[in-house]
Amino acid sequence: MSIARINTMAELFSSIDMAVCRTCNLACRQQSVKQFFAVISWLGDGKFWYALMLVLPMVYGTSVLEVSGRMALVGLVGLLVYKLIKSSTERLRPFMVDDRIQLGTAPLDKYSFPSGHTLHATAFSIVVVYYLPELSWLVAPFAFLVAMSRVVLGLHYPTDVLAGAIIGAGLAVTVLAL
């Protein structure tokens, strides 16, 4: 395959990524939707997961301390991996690139790839569901909403979210295998 063909395919893929981002971001024009996803994003910034780590032993007893410990480990490793990738890719956030995208909430930093919120939501969810499958009704929809919030709020491209989910899943599987 020629370089020209690869570049054409990359441009097409990038334009589709941006088009999906713009379409999802249209939901931000409704104040109630914007506020809903802003709250989900705020909770997904660790607050929900840290609270869950603390509540699990209160509900299930000390037998689930390992779950909270593995969640903490995957969170720490995820943060390190996320920071390393984000600082080396320096992909600007969608709202910074396209003025048609409305910013739904303040970003944590300048760059978008990968989605750290999605990385952590996926990793934490997999760890929790591995040990406590009865909580999948809670963590799986929440993780999905966190991922959606990042695109709807104009903070991430769909590919940022997809990459975050893949990296998070890989980290969770690795931490569970330890």
N, C-alpha and C. Protein backbone atom coordinates (compact mmCIF):
# COMPACT_ATOMS: atom_id res chain seq x y z
N MET A 1 0.85 -1.17 0.00
CA MET A 1 0.00 0.00 0.00
C MET A 1 0.90 1.24 0.00
N SER A 2 0.55 2.20 -0.84
CA SER A 2 1.38 3.40 -0.98
C SER A 2 1.15 4.37 0.17
N ILE A 3 2.10 5.26 0.38
CA ILE A 3 2.01 6.30 1.41
C ILE A 3 0.81 7.20 1.12
N ALA A 4 0.60 7.52 -0.14
CA ALA A 4 -0.52 8.39 -0.52
C ALA A 4 -1.85 7.74 -0.14
N ARG A 5 -1.97 6.46 -0.38
CA ARG A 5 -3.21 5.73 -0.04
C ARG A 5 -3.41 5.69 1.47
N ILE A 6 -2.34 5.47 2.20
CA ILE A 6 -2.42 5.45 3.66
C ILE A 6 -2.84 6.82 4.18
N ASN A 7 -2.26 7.88 3.62
CA ASN A 7 -2.63 9.24 4.03
C ASN A 7 -4.09 9.54 3.72
N THR A 8 -4.57 9.10 2.57
CA THR A 8 -5.98 9.31 2.20
C THR A 8 -6.89 8.58 3.16
N MET A 9 -6.54 7.36 3.50
CA MET A 9 -7.36 6.59 4.45
C MET A 9 -7.33 7.23 5.83
N ALA A 10 -6.18 7.73 6.25
CA ALA A 10 -6.06 8.39 7.55
C ALA A 10 -6.91 9.66 7.59
N GLU A 11 -6.91 10.42 6.50
CA GLU A 11 -7.73 11.63 6.44
C GLU A 11 -9.21 11.29 6.48
N LEU A 12 -9.62 10.24 5.78
CA LEU A 12 -11.01 9.81 5.79
C LEU A 12 -11.42 9.38 7.21
N PHE A 13 -10.57 8.59 7.82
CA PHE A 13 -10.84 8.10 9.18
C PHE A 13 -10.95 9.28 10.15
N SER A 14 -10.05 10.25 10.00
CA SER A 14 -10.06 11.43 10.86
C SER A 14 -11.32 12.26 10.65
N SER A 15 -11.75 12.39 9.42
CA SER A 15 -12.97 13.17 9.15
C SER A 15 -14.20 12.46 9.71
N ILE A 16 -14.24 11.15 9.66
CA ILE A 16 -15.35 10.40 10.25
C ILE A 16 -15.34 10.57 11.77
N ASP A 17 -14.16 10.49 12.36
CA ASP A 17 -14.00 10.68 13.81
C ASP A 17 -14.55 12.05 14.23
N MET A 18 -14.20 13.09 13.49
CA MET A 18 -14.67 14.44 13.80
C MET A 18 -16.17 14.58 13.57
N ALA A 19 -16.67 13.96 12.51
CA ALA A 19 -18.11 14.04 12.22
C ALA A 19 -18.93 13.39 13.32
N VAL A 20 -18.49 12.24 13.81
CA VAL A 20 -19.19 11.57 14.92
C VAL A 20 -19.11 12.44 16.16
N CYS A 21 -17.96 13.04 16.38
CA CYS A 21 -17.78 13.92 17.53
C CYS A 21 -18.76 15.09 17.47
N ARG A 22 -18.84 15.75 16.31
CA ARG A 22 -19.76 16.89 16.15
C ARG A 22 -21.21 16.46 16.34
N THR A 23 -21.57 15.31 15.81
CA THR A 23 -22.95 14.81 15.93
C THR A 23 -23.31 14.54 17.39
N CYS A 24 -22.43 13.86 18.10
CA CYS A 24 -22.68 13.58 19.53
C CYS A 24 -22.75 14.87 20.33
N ASN A 25 -21.91 15.82 19.98
CA ASN A 25 -21.84 17.08 20.71
C ASN A 25 -23.09 17.93 20.55
N LEU A 26 -23.89 17.67 19.53
CA LEU A 26 -25.15 18.42 19.35
C LEU A 26 -26.05 18.29 20.58
N ALA A 27 -25.93 17.18 21.29
CA ALA A 27 -26.74 16.97 22.50
C ALA A 27 -26.45 18.02 23.56
N CYS A 28 -25.26 18.61 23.52
CA CYS A 28 -24.87 19.64 24.50
C CYS A 28 -25.69 20.91 24.36
N ARG A 29 -26.38 21.05 23.28
CA ARG A 29 -27.19 22.25 23.07
C ARG A 29 -28.42 22.24 23.98
N GLN A 30 -28.78 21.07 24.48
CA GLN A 30 -29.86 20.96 25.47
C GLN A 30 -29.24 21.03 26.85
N GLN A 31 -29.61 22.04 27.61
CA GLN A 31 -28.98 22.30 28.91
C GLN A 31 -29.08 21.10 29.85
N SER A 32 -30.23 20.42 29.86
CA SER A 32 -30.40 19.28 30.77
C SER A 32 -29.47 18.13 30.41
N VAL A 33 -29.27 17.89 29.13
CA VAL A 33 -28.35 16.84 28.68
C VAL A 33 -26.92 17.23 29.02
N LYS A 34 -26.57 18.46 28.76
CA LYS A 34 -25.24 18.96 29.07
C LYS A 34 -24.94 18.82 30.57
N GLN A 35 -25.89 19.20 31.41
CA GLN A 35 -25.69 19.10 32.86
C GLN A 35 -25.58 17.65 33.31
N PHE A 36 -26.42 16.78 32.74
CA PHE A 36 -26.38 15.36 33.09
C PHE A 36 -24.99 14.78 32.80
N PHE A 37 -24.51 15.00 31.58
CA PHE A 37 -23.20 14.45 31.23
C PHE A 37 -22.05 15.13 31.96
N ALA A 38 -22.21 16.40 32.31
CA ALA A 38 -21.19 17.08 33.10
C ALA A 38 -21.07 16.43 34.48
N VAL A 39 -22.20 16.07 35.08
CA VAL A 39 -22.19 15.40 36.39
C VAL A 39 -21.57 14.01 36.25
N ILE A 40 -21.96 13.28 35.21
CA ILE A 40 -21.38 11.94 34.99
C ILE A 40 -19.86 12.05 34.83
N SER A 41 -19.42 13.02 34.05
CA SER A 41 -17.99 13.21 33.83
C SER A 41 -17.28 13.56 35.14
N TRP A 42 -17.90 14.43 35.93
CA TRP A 42 -17.33 14.82 37.22
C TRP A 42 -17.21 13.61 38.15
N LEU A 43 -18.25 12.79 38.21
CA LEU A 43 -18.19 11.57 39.03
C LEU A 43 -17.17 10.59 38.48
N GLY A 44 -17.08 10.53 37.15
CA GLY A 44 -16.15 9.61 36.50
C GLY A 44 -14.70 10.03 36.62
N ASP A 45 -14.46 11.20 37.15
CA ASP A 45 -13.10 11.68 37.36
C ASP A 45 -12.48 11.07 38.62
N GLY A 46 -13.01 9.95 39.04
CA GLY A 46 -12.47 9.23 40.18
C GLY A 46 -13.41 9.19 41.36
N LYS A 47 -14.25 10.19 41.53
CA LYS A 47 -15.10 10.29 42.72
C LYS A 47 -15.97 9.05 42.92
N PHE A 48 -16.64 8.61 41.87
CA PHE A 48 -17.49 7.42 41.96
C PHE A 48 -16.67 6.19 42.32
N TRP A 49 -15.52 6.05 41.65
CA TRP A 49 -14.70 4.85 41.83
C TRP A 49 -14.04 4.82 43.20
N TYR A 50 -13.54 5.95 43.68
CA TYR A 50 -12.92 5.99 45.01
C TYR A 50 -13.96 5.72 46.08
N ALA A 51 -15.15 6.28 45.90
CA ALA A 51 -16.23 6.02 46.85
C ALA A 51 -16.58 4.53 46.86
N LEU A 52 -16.62 3.93 45.67
CA LEU A 52 -16.93 2.50 45.59
C LEU A 52 -15.86 1.67 46.30
N MET A 53 -14.58 2.05 46.12
CA MET A 53 -13.50 1.33 46.80
C MET A 53 -13.67 1.37 48.32
N LEU A 54 -14.16 2.49 48.84
CA LEU A 54 -14.36 2.63 50.28
C LEU A 54 -15.63 1.94 50.76
N VAL A 55 -16.67 1.96 49.95
CA VAL A 55 -17.97 1.40 50.35
C VAL A 55 -17.98 -0.13 50.27
N LEU A 56 -17.28 -0.70 49.32
CA LEU A 56 -17.32 -2.16 49.15
C LEU A 56 -17.01 -2.91 50.45
N PRO A 57 -15.93 -2.59 51.17
CA PRO A 57 -15.66 -3.30 52.43
C PRO A 57 -16.74 -3.06 53.50
N MET A 58 -17.38 -1.90 53.45
CA MET A 58 -18.47 -1.64 54.42
C MET A 58 -19.69 -2.51 54.15
N VAL A 59 -19.93 -2.77 52.87
CA VAL A 59 -21.11 -3.57 52.49
C VAL A 59 -20.80 -5.06 52.54
N TYR A 60 -19.65 -5.46 52.02
CA TYR A 60 -19.32 -6.88 51.88
C TYR A 60 -18.39 -7.40 52.97
N GLY A 61 -17.81 -6.51 53.76
CA GLY A 61 -16.87 -6.93 54.79
C GLY A 61 -15.45 -6.97 54.25
N THR A 62 -14.57 -7.43 55.09
CA THR A 62 -13.15 -7.42 54.76
C THR A 62 -12.78 -8.40 53.63
N SER A 63 -13.69 -9.30 53.29
CA SER A 63 -13.39 -10.26 52.22
C SER A 63 -13.18 -9.58 50.87
N VAL A 64 -13.63 -8.33 50.71
CA VAL A 64 -13.47 -7.64 49.43
C VAL A 64 -12.35 -6.60 49.45
N LEU A 65 -11.53 -6.62 50.47
CA LEU A 65 -10.41 -5.70 50.49
C LEU A 65 -9.50 -5.89 49.27
N GLU A 66 -9.40 -7.11 48.79
CA GLU A 66 -8.60 -7.38 47.60
C GLU A 66 -9.17 -6.65 46.39
N VAL A 67 -10.49 -6.56 46.28
CA VAL A 67 -11.12 -5.85 45.17
C VAL A 67 -10.71 -4.39 45.20
N SER A 68 -10.86 -3.77 46.36
CA SER A 68 -10.48 -2.36 46.49
C SER A 68 -8.98 -2.17 46.23
N GLY A 69 -8.17 -3.10 46.68
CA GLY A 69 -6.73 -3.02 46.44
C GLY A 69 -6.39 -3.13 44.97
N ARG A 70 -7.05 -4.04 44.28
CA ARG A 70 -6.79 -4.19 42.84
C ARG A 70 -7.31 -2.97 42.07
N MET A 71 -8.42 -2.41 42.53
CA MET A 71 -8.93 -1.19 41.90
C MET A 71 -7.91 -0.06 42.07
N ALA A 72 -7.36 0.05 43.27
CA ALA A 72 -6.35 1.09 43.52
C ALA A 72 -5.12 0.87 42.65
N LEU A 73 -4.69 -0.37 42.52
CA LEU A 73 -3.52 -0.68 41.70
C LEU A 73 -3.77 -0.35 40.23
N VAL A 74 -4.93 -0.78 39.71
CA VAL A 74 -5.21 -0.50 38.30
C VAL A 74 -5.39 1.00 38.08
N GLY A 75 -5.90 1.71 39.09
CA GLY A 75 -6.03 3.15 38.98
C GLY A 75 -4.68 3.84 38.90
N LEU A 76 -3.75 3.41 39.73
CA LEU A 76 -2.41 3.99 39.74
C LEU A 76 -1.66 3.69 38.45
N VAL A 77 -1.68 2.44 38.04
CA VAL A 77 -1.00 2.07 36.79
C VAL A 77 -1.66 2.79 35.61
N GLY A 78 -3.00 2.86 35.63
CA GLY A 78 -3.72 3.55 34.56
C GLY A 78 -3.32 5.01 34.47
N LEU A 79 -3.16 5.65 35.60
CA LEU A 79 -2.76 7.06 35.62
C LEU A 79 -1.37 7.24 35.00
N LEU A 80 -0.45 6.37 35.36
CA LEU A 80 0.90 6.46 34.81
C LEU A 80 0.92 6.24 33.30
N VAL A 81 0.21 5.21 32.85
CA VAL A 81 0.16 4.90 31.42
C VAL A 81 -0.52 6.04 30.65
N TYR A 82 -1.63 6.52 31.20
CA TYR A 82 -2.40 7.60 30.57
C TYR A 82 -1.53 8.86 30.43
N LYS A 83 -0.84 9.25 31.48
CA LYS A 83 0.01 10.45 31.45
C LYS A 83 1.15 10.30 30.43
N LEU A 84 1.74 9.12 30.39
CA LEU A 84 2.83 8.86 29.45
C LEU A 84 2.34 8.98 28.00
N ILE A 85 1.23 8.34 27.69
CA ILE A 85 0.70 8.38 26.32
C ILE A 85 0.24 9.79 25.96
N LYS A 86 -0.50 10.42 26.86
CA LYS A 86 -1.06 11.74 26.58
C LYS A 86 0.05 12.77 26.32
N SER A 87 1.10 12.71 27.11
CA SER A 87 2.19 13.68 26.93
C SER A 87 2.99 13.44 25.66
N SER A 88 2.96 12.22 25.15
CA SER A 88 3.74 11.94 23.94
C SER A 88 2.92 12.12 22.66
N THR A 89 1.59 12.08 22.75
CA THR A 89 0.78 12.24 21.54
C THR A 89 0.34 13.68 21.31
N GLU A 90 0.02 14.40 22.37
CA GLU A 90 -0.36 15.81 22.31
C GLU A 90 -1.46 16.11 21.29
N ARG A 91 -2.47 15.28 21.23
CA ARG A 91 -3.62 15.50 20.33
C ARG A 91 -4.55 16.52 20.99
N LEU A 92 -4.81 17.62 20.30
CA LEU A 92 -5.68 18.65 20.85
C LEU A 92 -7.12 18.16 20.94
N ARG A 93 -7.83 18.68 21.92
CA ARG A 93 -9.22 18.29 22.14
C ARG A 93 -10.10 18.81 21.01
N PRO A 94 -11.21 18.11 20.74
CA PRO A 94 -12.08 18.49 19.62
C PRO A 94 -12.56 19.94 19.66
N PHE A 95 -12.95 20.44 20.83
CA PHE A 95 -13.45 21.81 20.91
C PHE A 95 -12.37 22.83 20.58
N MET A 96 -11.11 22.43 20.65
CA MET A 96 -9.99 23.32 20.34
C MET A 96 -9.70 23.34 18.83
N VAL A 97 -10.18 22.31 18.14
CA VAL A 97 -9.89 22.15 16.72
C VAL A 97 -11.05 22.63 15.84
N ASP A 98 -12.27 22.47 16.33
CA ASP A 98 -13.47 22.77 15.53
C ASP A 98 -14.39 23.68 16.35
N ASP A 99 -14.57 24.91 15.87
CA ASP A 99 -15.38 25.86 16.64
C ASP A 99 -16.87 25.53 16.63
N ARG A 100 -17.27 24.53 15.87
CA ARG A 100 -18.67 24.08 15.91
C ARG A 100 -18.95 23.19 17.12
N ILE A 101 -17.89 22.73 17.78
CA ILE A 101 -18.05 21.87 18.95
C ILE A 101 -18.11 22.74 20.19
N GLN A 102 -19.20 22.56 20.90
CA GLN A 102 -19.44 23.32 22.14
C GLN A 102 -18.80 22.59 23.31
N LEU A 103 -18.01 23.30 24.08
CA LEU A 103 -17.40 22.71 25.27
C LEU A 103 -18.46 22.58 26.36
N GLY A 104 -18.63 21.37 26.87
CA GLY A 104 -19.67 21.11 27.85
C GLY A 104 -19.24 21.25 29.30
N THR A 105 -17.94 21.13 29.55
CA THR A 105 -17.38 21.27 30.90
C THR A 105 -15.87 21.49 30.76
N ALA A 106 -15.28 22.06 31.76
CA ALA A 106 -13.85 22.38 31.68
C ALA A 106 -13.00 21.12 31.58
N PRO A 107 -12.03 21.13 30.68
CA PRO A 107 -11.13 19.98 30.57
C PRO A 107 -10.11 19.97 31.70
N LEU A 108 -9.58 18.79 31.99
CA LEU A 108 -8.56 18.65 33.02
C LEU A 108 -7.19 19.08 32.50
N ASP A 109 -7.01 18.95 31.20
CA ASP A 109 -5.74 19.34 30.58
C ASP A 109 -6.00 19.68 29.11
N LYS A 110 -4.94 19.89 28.37
CA LYS A 110 -5.03 20.38 26.99
C LYS A 110 -5.25 19.27 25.96
N TYR A 111 -4.82 18.07 26.27
CA TYR A 111 -4.78 17.02 25.26
C TYR A 111 -5.87 15.96 25.45
N SER A 112 -6.19 15.27 24.34
CA SER A 112 -7.35 14.38 24.37
C SER A 112 -7.04 12.89 24.28
N PHE A 113 -5.89 12.50 23.77
CA PHE A 113 -5.65 11.07 23.52
C PHE A 113 -4.72 10.47 24.54
N PRO A 114 -5.15 9.39 25.17
CA PRO A 114 -6.46 8.74 25.16
C PRO A 114 -7.38 9.35 26.22
N SER A 115 -8.61 8.89 26.28
CA SER A 115 -9.52 9.34 27.33
C SER A 115 -9.17 8.63 28.64
N GLY A 116 -8.65 9.39 29.57
CA GLY A 116 -8.32 8.83 30.89
C GLY A 116 -9.55 8.43 31.67
N HIS A 117 -10.63 9.22 31.53
CA HIS A 117 -11.88 8.86 32.21
C HIS A 117 -12.35 7.48 31.75
N THR A 118 -12.32 7.26 30.43
CA THR A 118 -12.78 5.98 29.88
C THR A 118 -11.82 4.85 30.24
N LEU A 119 -10.54 5.12 30.19
CA LEU A 119 -9.54 4.13 30.57
C LEU A 119 -9.82 3.63 31.99
N HIS A 120 -9.98 4.56 32.91
CA HIS A 120 -10.21 4.18 34.31
C HIS A 120 -11.58 3.55 34.52
N ALA A 121 -12.61 4.08 33.88
CA ALA A 121 -13.95 3.51 34.04
C ALA A 121 -13.99 2.07 33.56
N THR A 122 -13.34 1.80 32.44
CA THR A 122 -13.29 0.43 31.91
C THR A 122 -12.49 -0.48 32.84
N ALA A 123 -11.32 -0.03 33.24
CA ALA A 123 -10.46 -0.85 34.10
C ALA A 123 -11.14 -1.14 35.44
N PHE A 124 -11.68 -0.11 36.08
CA PHE A 124 -12.35 -0.32 37.37
C PHE A 124 -13.55 -1.25 37.23
N SER A 125 -14.33 -1.05 36.18
CA SER A 125 -15.52 -1.88 35.97
C SER A 125 -15.16 -3.35 35.80
N ILE A 126 -14.14 -3.62 35.02
CA ILE A 126 -13.73 -5.01 34.80
C ILE A 126 -13.28 -5.65 36.10
N VAL A 127 -12.51 -4.93 36.89
CA VAL A 127 -12.05 -5.47 38.18
C VAL A 127 -13.24 -5.75 39.09
N VAL A 128 -14.14 -4.78 39.20
CA VAL A 128 -15.31 -4.97 40.08
C VAL A 128 -16.16 -6.14 39.62
N VAL A 129 -16.47 -6.19 38.34
CA VAL A 129 -17.35 -7.25 37.82
C VAL A 129 -16.68 -8.62 37.91
N TYR A 130 -15.37 -8.67 37.80
CA TYR A 130 -14.65 -9.95 37.93
C TYR A 130 -14.91 -10.56 39.31
N TYR A 131 -14.82 -9.72 40.34
CA TYR A 131 -15.00 -10.20 41.71
C TYR A 131 -16.47 -10.18 42.16
N LEU A 132 -17.21 -9.20 41.72
CA LEU A 132 -18.58 -9.00 42.19
C LEU A 132 -19.52 -8.81 40.99
N PRO A 133 -19.80 -9.89 40.26
CA PRO A 133 -20.61 -9.76 39.04
C PRO A 133 -22.01 -9.19 39.31
N GLU A 134 -22.47 -9.30 40.53
CA GLU A 134 -23.79 -8.75 40.86
C GLU A 134 -23.82 -7.22 40.79
N LEU A 135 -22.66 -6.59 40.71
CA LEU A 135 -22.62 -5.13 40.60
C LEU A 135 -22.50 -4.65 39.15
N SER A 136 -22.56 -5.59 38.21
CA SER A 136 -22.44 -5.19 36.80
C SER A 136 -23.57 -4.25 36.38
N TRP A 137 -24.74 -4.40 36.99
CA TRP A 137 -25.88 -3.52 36.67
C TRP A 137 -25.56 -2.05 37.00
N LEU A 138 -24.65 -1.84 37.94
CA LEU A 138 -24.28 -0.49 38.35
C LEU A 138 -23.07 0.03 37.59
N VAL A 139 -21.99 -0.74 37.56
CA VAL A 139 -20.74 -0.23 37.02
C VAL A 139 -20.69 -0.21 35.50
N ALA A 140 -21.29 -1.18 34.84
CA ALA A 140 -21.22 -1.21 33.37
C ALA A 140 -21.96 -0.02 32.74
N PRO A 141 -23.21 0.26 33.14
CA PRO A 141 -23.87 1.45 32.56
C PRO A 141 -23.16 2.75 32.93
N PHE A 142 -22.65 2.82 34.16
CA PHE A 142 -21.94 4.04 34.55
C PHE A 142 -20.69 4.23 33.69
N ALA A 143 -19.93 3.17 33.48
CA ALA A 143 -18.73 3.27 32.65
C ALA A 143 -19.09 3.69 31.23
N PHE A 144 -20.17 3.15 30.69
CA PHE A 144 -20.62 3.54 29.35
C PHE A 144 -20.98 5.02 29.31
N LEU A 145 -21.70 5.49 30.33
CA LEU A 145 -22.08 6.90 30.38
C LEU A 145 -20.86 7.82 30.51
N VAL A 146 -19.88 7.38 31.27
CA VAL A 146 -18.64 8.16 31.39
C VAL A 146 -17.99 8.30 30.02
N ALA A 147 -17.89 7.19 29.30
CA ALA A 147 -17.29 7.22 27.96
C ALA A 147 -18.09 8.13 27.03
N MET A 148 -19.40 8.02 27.06
CA MET A 148 -20.24 8.87 26.21
C MET A 148 -20.10 10.33 26.58
N SER A 149 -19.99 10.61 27.87
CA SER A 149 -19.91 12.00 28.33
C SER A 149 -18.72 12.71 27.71
N ARG A 150 -17.63 12.01 27.52
CA ARG A 150 -16.41 12.64 27.03
C ARG A 150 -16.57 13.15 25.59
N VAL A 151 -17.33 12.41 24.78
CA VAL A 151 -17.57 12.83 23.39
C VAL A 151 -18.68 13.88 23.35
N VAL A 152 -19.76 13.63 24.08
CA VAL A 152 -20.88 14.57 24.10
C VAL A 152 -20.42 15.95 24.57
N LEU A 153 -19.56 16.01 25.56
CA LEU A 153 -19.10 17.28 26.12
C LEU A 153 -18.01 17.96 25.28
N GLY A 154 -17.63 17.34 24.16
CA GLY A 154 -16.65 17.95 23.27
C GLY A 154 -15.22 17.83 23.73
N LEU A 155 -14.97 16.93 24.67
CA LEU A 155 -13.63 16.79 25.24
C LEU A 155 -12.78 15.74 24.55
N HIS A 156 -13.43 14.79 23.90
CA HIS A 156 -12.71 13.69 23.26
C HIS A 156 -13.34 13.30 21.94
N TYR A 157 -12.51 12.75 21.08
CA TYR A 157 -12.96 12.12 19.85
C TYR A 157 -13.39 10.69 20.20
N PRO A 158 -14.25 10.08 19.38
CA PRO A 158 -14.60 8.68 19.62
C PRO A 158 -13.38 7.76 19.68
N THR A 159 -12.36 8.04 18.87
CA THR A 159 -11.17 7.19 18.90
C THR A 159 -10.39 7.34 20.21
N ASP A 160 -10.46 8.50 20.85
CA ASP A 160 -9.83 8.67 22.17
C ASP A 160 -10.50 7.76 23.18
N VAL A 161 -11.82 7.72 23.10
CA VAL A 161 -12.62 6.91 24.02
C VAL A 161 -12.37 5.42 23.76
N LEU A 162 -12.37 5.04 22.49
CA LEU A 162 -12.10 3.65 22.14
C LEU A 162 -10.72 3.22 22.62
N ALA A 163 -9.72 4.06 22.39
CA ALA A 163 -8.36 3.74 22.84
C ALA A 163 -8.31 3.64 24.36
N GLY A 164 -8.99 4.56 25.06
CA GLY A 164 -9.03 4.50 26.52
C GLY A 164 -9.65 3.20 27.02
N ALA A 165 -10.72 2.78 26.36
CA ALA A 165 -11.39 1.53 26.76
C ALA A 165 -10.49 0.32 26.52
N ILE A 166 -9.80 0.30 25.40
CA ILE A 166 -8.91 -0.83 25.08
C ILE A 166 -7.74 -0.88 26.07
N ILE A 167 -7.14 0.26 26.32
CA ILE A 167 -6.01 0.32 27.26
C ILE A 167 -6.48 -0.07 28.66
N GLY A 168 -7.63 0.47 29.08
CA GLY A 168 -8.18 0.15 30.40
C GLY A 168 -8.47 -1.33 30.56
N ALA A 169 -9.03 -1.93 29.52
CA ALA A 169 -9.32 -3.37 29.57
C ALA A 169 -8.03 -4.17 29.68
N GLY A 170 -7.03 -3.77 28.91
CA GLY A 170 -5.74 -4.46 28.98
C GLY A 170 -5.10 -4.35 30.35
N LEU A 171 -5.17 -3.17 30.94
CA LEU A 171 -4.61 -2.98 32.29
C LEU A 171 -5.36 -3.82 33.32
N ALA A 172 -6.69 -3.83 33.22
CA ALA A 172 -7.49 -4.60 34.18
C ALA A 172 -7.16 -6.08 34.10
N VAL A 173 -7.09 -6.60 32.89
CA VAL A 173 -6.76 -8.02 32.70
C VAL A 173 -5.37 -8.32 33.28
N THR A 174 -4.44 -7.41 33.05
CA THR A 174 -3.07 -7.60 33.57
C THR A 174 -3.07 -7.59 35.10
N VAL A 175 -3.76 -6.63 35.71
CA VAL A 175 -3.80 -6.54 37.17
C VAL A 175 -4.52 -7.76 37.75
N LEU A 176 -5.54 -8.25 37.09
CA LEU A 176 -6.25 -9.43 37.59
C LEU A 176 -5.39 -10.69 37.47
N ALA A 177 -4.50 -10.71 36.49
CA ALA A 177 -3.64 -11.88 36.29
C ALA A 177 -2.50 -11.94 37.29
N LEU A 178 -2.21 -10.83 37.98
CA LEU A 178 -1.11 -10.80 38.95
C LEU A 178 -1.41 -11.70 40.14
